[in-house]
Amino acid sequence: MGKIADEAGYQRSLEWLVIKAAMLDDPLIDESAKTTLRAQYDLVSEKVKEYRRGELAAKFPGLKEQYKILGWSYQEMPSQAEREAAVTEAPETPPEPPKAMPNLSGWLD
């Protein structure tokens, strides 16, 4: 599994974790399947944490040093200023002109 790309991917990962947690709690699950699922769960859980830490580090740059001290990994993300600059630099597309409405009253004549 690679990085979580955006907020929608983050939300999907959280939903996946909730579903798989219920499966891991099932006492009837096969032990080998449980071991495999637990490894996947741990990986996705770590990626979710890295994504959230990356968001916080982008918002509060001082956290990068704290994460380094703690030995925590985080996902590199553009800072708030870079994201705002990207939004303002994006070319704005003009709205489409309204389409001509056909004149249907001709059949009344």
N, C-alpha and C. Protein backbone atom coordinates (compact mmCIF):
# COMPACT_ATOMS: atom_id res chain seq x y z
N MET A 1 0.86 -1.17 0.00
CA MET A 1 0.00 0.00 0.00
C MET A 1 0.90 1.23 0.00
N GLY A 2 0.58 2.16 -0.85
CA GLY A 2 1.33 3.41 -0.93
C GLY A 2 0.77 4.45 0.02
N LYS A 3 0.98 5.67 -0.35
CA LYS A 3 0.48 6.78 0.46
C LYS A 3 -1.00 6.98 0.23
N ILE A 4 -1.64 7.59 1.20
CA ILE A 4 -3.03 7.99 1.04
C ILE A 4 -3.00 9.31 0.27
N ALA A 5 -3.72 9.37 -0.84
CA ALA A 5 -3.61 10.50 -1.76
C ALA A 5 -4.38 11.74 -1.31
N ASP A 6 -5.55 11.56 -0.75
CA ASP A 6 -6.38 12.72 -0.43
C ASP A 6 -7.33 12.39 0.72
N GLU A 7 -8.17 13.36 1.04
CA GLU A 7 -9.09 13.20 2.16
C GLU A 7 -10.10 12.07 1.91
N ALA A 8 -10.51 11.90 0.67
CA ALA A 8 -11.45 10.81 0.34
C ALA A 8 -10.80 9.45 0.60
N GLY A 9 -9.55 9.31 0.22
CA GLY A 9 -8.82 8.07 0.48
C GLY A 9 -8.64 7.84 1.97
N TYR A 10 -8.43 8.90 2.71
CA TYR A 10 -8.30 8.82 4.17
C TYR A 10 -9.61 8.30 4.77
N GLN A 11 -10.73 8.85 4.32
CA GLN A 11 -12.03 8.42 4.84
C GLN A 11 -12.32 6.96 4.48
N ARG A 12 -11.97 6.55 3.25
CA ARG A 12 -12.17 5.15 2.86
C ARG A 12 -11.32 4.23 3.73
N SER A 13 -10.11 4.66 4.04
CA SER A 13 -9.23 3.84 4.88
C SER A 13 -9.81 3.70 6.28
N LEU A 14 -10.36 4.77 6.82
CA LEU A 14 -10.99 4.70 8.15
C LEU A 14 -12.18 3.74 8.14
N GLU A 15 -12.99 3.81 7.08
CA GLU A 15 -14.14 2.90 6.98
C GLU A 15 -13.66 1.45 6.89
N TRP A 16 -12.60 1.22 6.12
CA TRP A 16 -12.05 -0.12 5.98
C TRP A 16 -11.60 -0.64 7.34
N LEU A 17 -10.94 0.21 8.12
CA LEU A 17 -10.47 -0.20 9.45
C LEU A 17 -11.62 -0.61 10.36
N VAL A 18 -12.71 0.12 10.30
CA VAL A 18 -13.87 -0.21 11.14
C VAL A 18 -14.46 -1.56 10.75
N ILE A 19 -14.59 -1.80 9.45
CA ILE A 19 -15.14 -3.06 8.98
C ILE A 19 -14.24 -4.24 9.37
N LYS A 20 -12.93 -4.06 9.15
CA LYS A 20 -12.00 -5.15 9.43
C LYS A 20 -11.82 -5.38 10.92
N ALA A 21 -12.00 -4.36 11.74
CA ALA A 21 -11.91 -4.54 13.19
C ALA A 21 -13.01 -5.48 13.66
N ALA A 22 -14.20 -5.34 13.09
CA ALA A 22 -15.29 -6.24 13.44
C ALA A 22 -14.97 -7.68 13.01
N MET A 23 -14.33 -7.82 11.85
CA MET A 23 -13.96 -9.16 11.39
C MET A 23 -12.90 -9.78 12.30
N LEU A 24 -11.94 -8.96 12.75
CA LEU A 24 -10.90 -9.47 13.64
C LEU A 24 -11.47 -9.89 15.00
N ASP A 25 -12.56 -9.27 15.37
CA ASP A 25 -13.19 -9.58 16.66
C ASP A 25 -14.02 -10.87 16.61
N ASP A 26 -14.27 -11.36 15.41
CA ASP A 26 -15.07 -12.57 15.24
C ASP A 26 -14.30 -13.79 15.76
N PRO A 27 -14.85 -14.52 16.73
CA PRO A 27 -14.13 -15.68 17.27
C PRO A 27 -14.09 -16.87 16.32
N LEU A 28 -14.91 -16.86 15.28
CA LEU A 28 -14.97 -17.99 14.36
C LEU A 28 -14.03 -17.87 13.17
N ILE A 29 -13.31 -16.76 13.06
CA ILE A 29 -12.41 -16.57 11.92
C ILE A 29 -11.21 -17.52 12.04
N ASP A 30 -10.79 -18.04 10.90
CA ASP A 30 -9.65 -18.95 10.83
C ASP A 30 -8.39 -18.21 11.31
N GLU A 31 -7.54 -18.90 12.05
CA GLU A 31 -6.36 -18.27 12.65
C GLU A 31 -5.38 -17.74 11.60
N SER A 32 -5.19 -18.45 10.49
CA SER A 32 -4.28 -17.97 9.46
C SER A 32 -4.85 -16.74 8.75
N ALA A 33 -6.17 -16.74 8.52
CA ALA A 33 -6.82 -15.57 7.92
C ALA A 33 -6.75 -14.38 8.87
N LYS A 34 -6.88 -14.66 10.16
CA LYS A 34 -6.82 -13.60 11.16
C LYS A 34 -5.42 -12.97 11.20
N THR A 35 -4.39 -13.80 11.07
CA THR A 35 -3.01 -13.30 11.08
C THR A 35 -2.76 -12.40 9.87
N THR A 36 -3.22 -12.85 8.71
CA THR A 36 -3.06 -12.05 7.48
C THR A 36 -3.83 -10.74 7.58
N LEU A 37 -5.07 -10.81 8.05
CA LEU A 37 -5.90 -9.62 8.19
C LEU A 37 -5.30 -8.66 9.20
N ARG A 38 -4.75 -9.19 10.28
CA ARG A 38 -4.14 -8.33 11.30
C ARG A 38 -2.94 -7.57 10.71
N ALA A 39 -2.15 -8.24 9.87
CA ALA A 39 -1.00 -7.57 9.24
C ALA A 39 -1.48 -6.45 8.31
N GLN A 40 -2.54 -6.70 7.54
CA GLN A 40 -3.10 -5.67 6.66
C GLN A 40 -3.66 -4.52 7.48
N TYR A 41 -4.35 -4.86 8.56
CA TYR A 41 -4.94 -3.85 9.43
C TYR A 41 -3.86 -2.94 10.01
N ASP A 42 -2.77 -3.55 10.47
CA ASP A 42 -1.68 -2.77 11.05
C ASP A 42 -1.05 -1.83 10.02
N LEU A 43 -0.90 -2.31 8.78
CA LEU A 43 -0.33 -1.48 7.72
C LEU A 43 -1.22 -0.29 7.40
N VAL A 44 -2.51 -0.54 7.21
CA VAL A 44 -3.45 0.55 6.90
C VAL A 44 -3.53 1.52 8.07
N SER A 45 -3.53 1.00 9.27
CA SER A 45 -3.58 1.85 10.45
C SER A 45 -2.37 2.78 10.51
N GLU A 46 -1.20 2.26 10.18
CA GLU A 46 0.02 3.07 10.18
C GLU A 46 -0.05 4.16 9.10
N LYS A 47 -0.57 3.81 7.93
CA LYS A 47 -0.69 4.79 6.84
C LYS A 47 -1.68 5.90 7.20
N VAL A 48 -2.74 5.55 7.90
CA VAL A 48 -3.72 6.54 8.34
C VAL A 48 -3.07 7.51 9.34
N LYS A 49 -2.29 6.97 10.25
CA LYS A 49 -1.59 7.82 11.23
C LYS A 49 -0.59 8.75 10.53
N GLU A 50 0.15 8.20 9.55
CA GLU A 50 1.12 9.01 8.82
C GLU A 50 0.44 10.14 8.05
N TYR A 51 -0.72 9.85 7.47
CA TYR A 51 -1.46 10.87 6.73
C TYR A 51 -1.90 11.99 7.68
N ARG A 52 -2.46 11.61 8.81
CA ARG A 52 -2.93 12.61 9.77
C ARG A 52 -1.77 13.44 10.32
N ARG A 53 -0.65 12.79 10.63
CA ARG A 53 0.52 13.52 11.09
C ARG A 53 1.02 14.49 10.02
N GLY A 54 0.98 14.05 8.76
CA GLY A 54 1.39 14.91 7.66
C GLY A 54 0.51 16.13 7.54
N GLU A 55 -0.80 15.95 7.70
CA GLU A 55 -1.71 17.10 7.68
C GLU A 55 -1.38 18.08 8.79
N LEU A 56 -1.16 17.54 9.98
CA LEU A 56 -0.85 18.41 11.11
C LEU A 56 0.50 19.10 10.95
N ALA A 57 1.49 18.38 10.40
CA ALA A 57 2.80 18.97 10.19
C ALA A 57 2.75 20.06 9.13
N ALA A 58 1.89 19.92 8.14
CA ALA A 58 1.73 20.96 7.12
C ALA A 58 1.08 22.20 7.73
N LYS A 59 0.16 21.98 8.65
CA LYS A 59 -0.53 23.09 9.29
C LYS A 59 0.33 23.75 10.37
N PHE A 60 1.06 22.93 11.11
CA PHE A 60 1.91 23.40 12.20
C PHE A 60 3.33 22.89 11.97
N PRO A 61 4.16 23.64 11.25
CA PRO A 61 5.49 23.14 10.87
C PRO A 61 6.39 22.74 12.04
N GLY A 62 6.17 23.28 13.22
CA GLY A 62 6.97 22.91 14.38
C GLY A 62 6.83 21.45 14.77
N LEU A 63 5.75 20.82 14.34
CA LEU A 63 5.53 19.42 14.68
C LEU A 63 6.52 18.50 13.99
N LYS A 64 7.09 18.93 12.85
CA LYS A 64 8.04 18.07 12.14
C LYS A 64 9.22 17.72 13.04
N GLU A 65 9.71 18.69 13.76
CA GLU A 65 10.83 18.46 14.67
C GLU A 65 10.41 17.53 15.81
N GLN A 66 9.21 17.71 16.32
CA GLN A 66 8.72 16.85 17.40
C GLN A 66 8.56 15.40 16.91
N TYR A 67 8.05 15.24 15.70
CA TYR A 67 7.91 13.89 15.15
C TYR A 67 9.28 13.25 14.98
N LYS A 68 10.26 14.05 14.58
CA LYS A 68 11.61 13.53 14.40
C LYS A 68 12.18 13.06 15.75
N ILE A 69 11.96 13.84 16.79
CA ILE A 69 12.44 13.48 18.13
C ILE A 69 11.77 12.18 18.59
N LEU A 70 10.49 12.05 18.33
CA LEU A 70 9.74 10.86 18.75
C LEU A 70 9.99 9.66 17.86
N GLY A 71 10.57 9.89 16.68
CA GLY A 71 10.81 8.79 15.75
C GLY A 71 9.57 8.38 14.98
N TRP A 72 8.62 9.30 14.87
CA TRP A 72 7.38 9.02 14.16
C TRP A 72 7.52 9.44 12.71
N SER A 73 7.04 8.61 11.81
CA SER A 73 7.04 8.98 10.39
C SER A 73 5.76 9.74 10.07
N TYR A 74 5.84 10.56 9.04
CA TYR A 74 4.66 11.30 8.59
C TYR A 74 4.73 11.46 7.09
N GLN A 75 3.59 11.67 6.49
CA GLN A 75 3.49 11.83 5.04
C GLN A 75 3.74 13.28 4.69
N GLU A 76 4.68 13.53 3.78
CA GLU A 76 4.96 14.89 3.35
C GLU A 76 3.77 15.44 2.58
N MET A 77 3.34 16.62 2.96
CA MET A 77 2.22 17.28 2.31
C MET A 77 2.58 18.73 2.07
N PRO A 78 1.96 19.36 1.09
CA PRO A 78 2.23 20.78 0.88
C PRO A 78 1.71 21.59 2.06
N SER A 79 2.41 22.66 2.36
CA SER A 79 1.98 23.51 3.47
C SER A 79 0.69 24.23 3.11
N GLN A 80 0.09 24.86 4.09
CA GLN A 80 -1.16 25.59 3.88
C GLN A 80 -0.95 26.70 2.85
N ALA A 81 0.18 27.41 2.93
CA ALA A 81 0.46 28.49 1.99
C ALA A 81 0.63 27.95 0.57
N GLU A 82 1.30 26.79 0.42
CA GLU A 82 1.47 26.19 -0.90
C GLU A 82 0.14 25.74 -1.48
N ARG A 83 -0.72 25.19 -0.64
CA ARG A 83 -2.04 24.76 -1.13
C ARG A 83 -2.87 25.95 -1.56
N GLU A 84 -2.83 27.05 -0.79
CA GLU A 84 -3.58 28.24 -1.16
C GLU A 84 -3.03 28.85 -2.44
N ALA A 85 -1.69 28.83 -2.61
CA ALA A 85 -1.08 29.35 -3.83
C ALA A 85 -1.49 28.52 -5.03
N ALA A 86 -1.57 27.21 -4.87
CA ALA A 86 -1.96 26.33 -5.96
C ALA A 86 -3.41 26.59 -6.37
N VAL A 87 -4.25 26.89 -5.39
CA VAL A 87 -5.66 27.16 -5.69
C VAL A 87 -5.78 28.48 -6.44
N THR A 88 -5.03 29.50 -6.04
CA THR A 88 -5.15 30.80 -6.69
C THR A 88 -4.48 30.80 -8.06
N GLU A 89 -3.49 29.93 -8.29
CA GLU A 89 -2.81 29.88 -9.57
C GLU A 89 -3.57 29.07 -10.60
N ALA A 90 -4.50 28.27 -10.17
CA ALA A 90 -5.25 27.43 -11.10
C ALA A 90 -6.07 28.33 -12.03
N PRO A 91 -5.99 28.09 -13.33
CA PRO A 91 -6.75 28.94 -14.26
C PRO A 91 -8.25 28.73 -14.05
N GLU A 92 -8.93 29.83 -14.03
CA GLU A 92 -10.37 29.77 -13.82
C GLU A 92 -11.06 29.62 -15.17
N THR A 93 -11.89 28.64 -15.28
CA THR A 93 -12.60 28.42 -16.54
C THR A 93 -13.87 29.27 -16.53
N PRO A 94 -14.12 29.96 -17.63
CA PRO A 94 -15.34 30.78 -17.66
C PRO A 94 -16.57 29.89 -17.72
N PRO A 95 -17.66 30.36 -17.18
CA PRO A 95 -18.88 29.55 -17.22
C PRO A 95 -19.37 29.42 -18.66
N GLU A 96 -20.02 28.30 -18.94
CA GLU A 96 -20.55 28.09 -20.27
C GLU A 96 -21.74 29.00 -20.51
N PRO A 97 -21.85 29.54 -21.72
CA PRO A 97 -23.02 30.39 -22.00
C PRO A 97 -24.27 29.51 -22.01
N PRO A 98 -25.40 30.09 -21.66
CA PRO A 98 -26.63 29.29 -21.66
C PRO A 98 -26.96 28.83 -23.08
N LYS A 99 -27.47 27.63 -23.17
CA LYS A 99 -27.83 27.08 -24.47
C LYS A 99 -29.15 27.68 -24.93
N ALA A 100 -29.26 27.85 -26.24
CA ALA A 100 -30.48 28.42 -26.79
C ALA A 100 -31.64 27.45 -26.58
N MET A 101 -32.73 28.00 -26.15
CA MET A 101 -33.93 27.19 -25.93
C MET A 101 -34.71 27.14 -27.24
N PRO A 102 -35.10 25.97 -27.67
CA PRO A 102 -35.87 25.92 -28.91
C PRO A 102 -37.26 26.53 -28.71
N ASN A 103 -37.72 27.20 -29.74
CA ASN A 103 -39.04 27.82 -29.68
C ASN A 103 -40.07 26.76 -30.06
N LEU A 104 -40.78 26.26 -29.09
CA LEU A 104 -41.77 25.20 -29.32
C LEU A 104 -43.16 25.74 -29.59
N SER A 105 -43.30 27.05 -29.58
CA SER A 105 -44.65 27.60 -29.78
C SER A 105 -45.03 27.68 -31.25
N GLY A 106 -44.14 27.31 -32.17
CA GLY A 106 -44.42 27.38 -33.60
C GLY A 106 -45.56 26.47 -34.01
N TRP A 107 -45.79 25.40 -33.34
CA TRP A 107 -46.85 24.47 -33.73
C TRP A 107 -48.24 25.01 -33.39
N LEU A 108 -48.28 26.05 -32.54
CA LEU A 108 -49.58 26.63 -32.19
C LEU A 108 -50.19 27.46 -33.33
N ASP A 109 -49.37 27.93 -34.25
CA ASP A 109 -49.88 28.80 -35.32
C ASP A 109 -50.71 28.08 -36.31
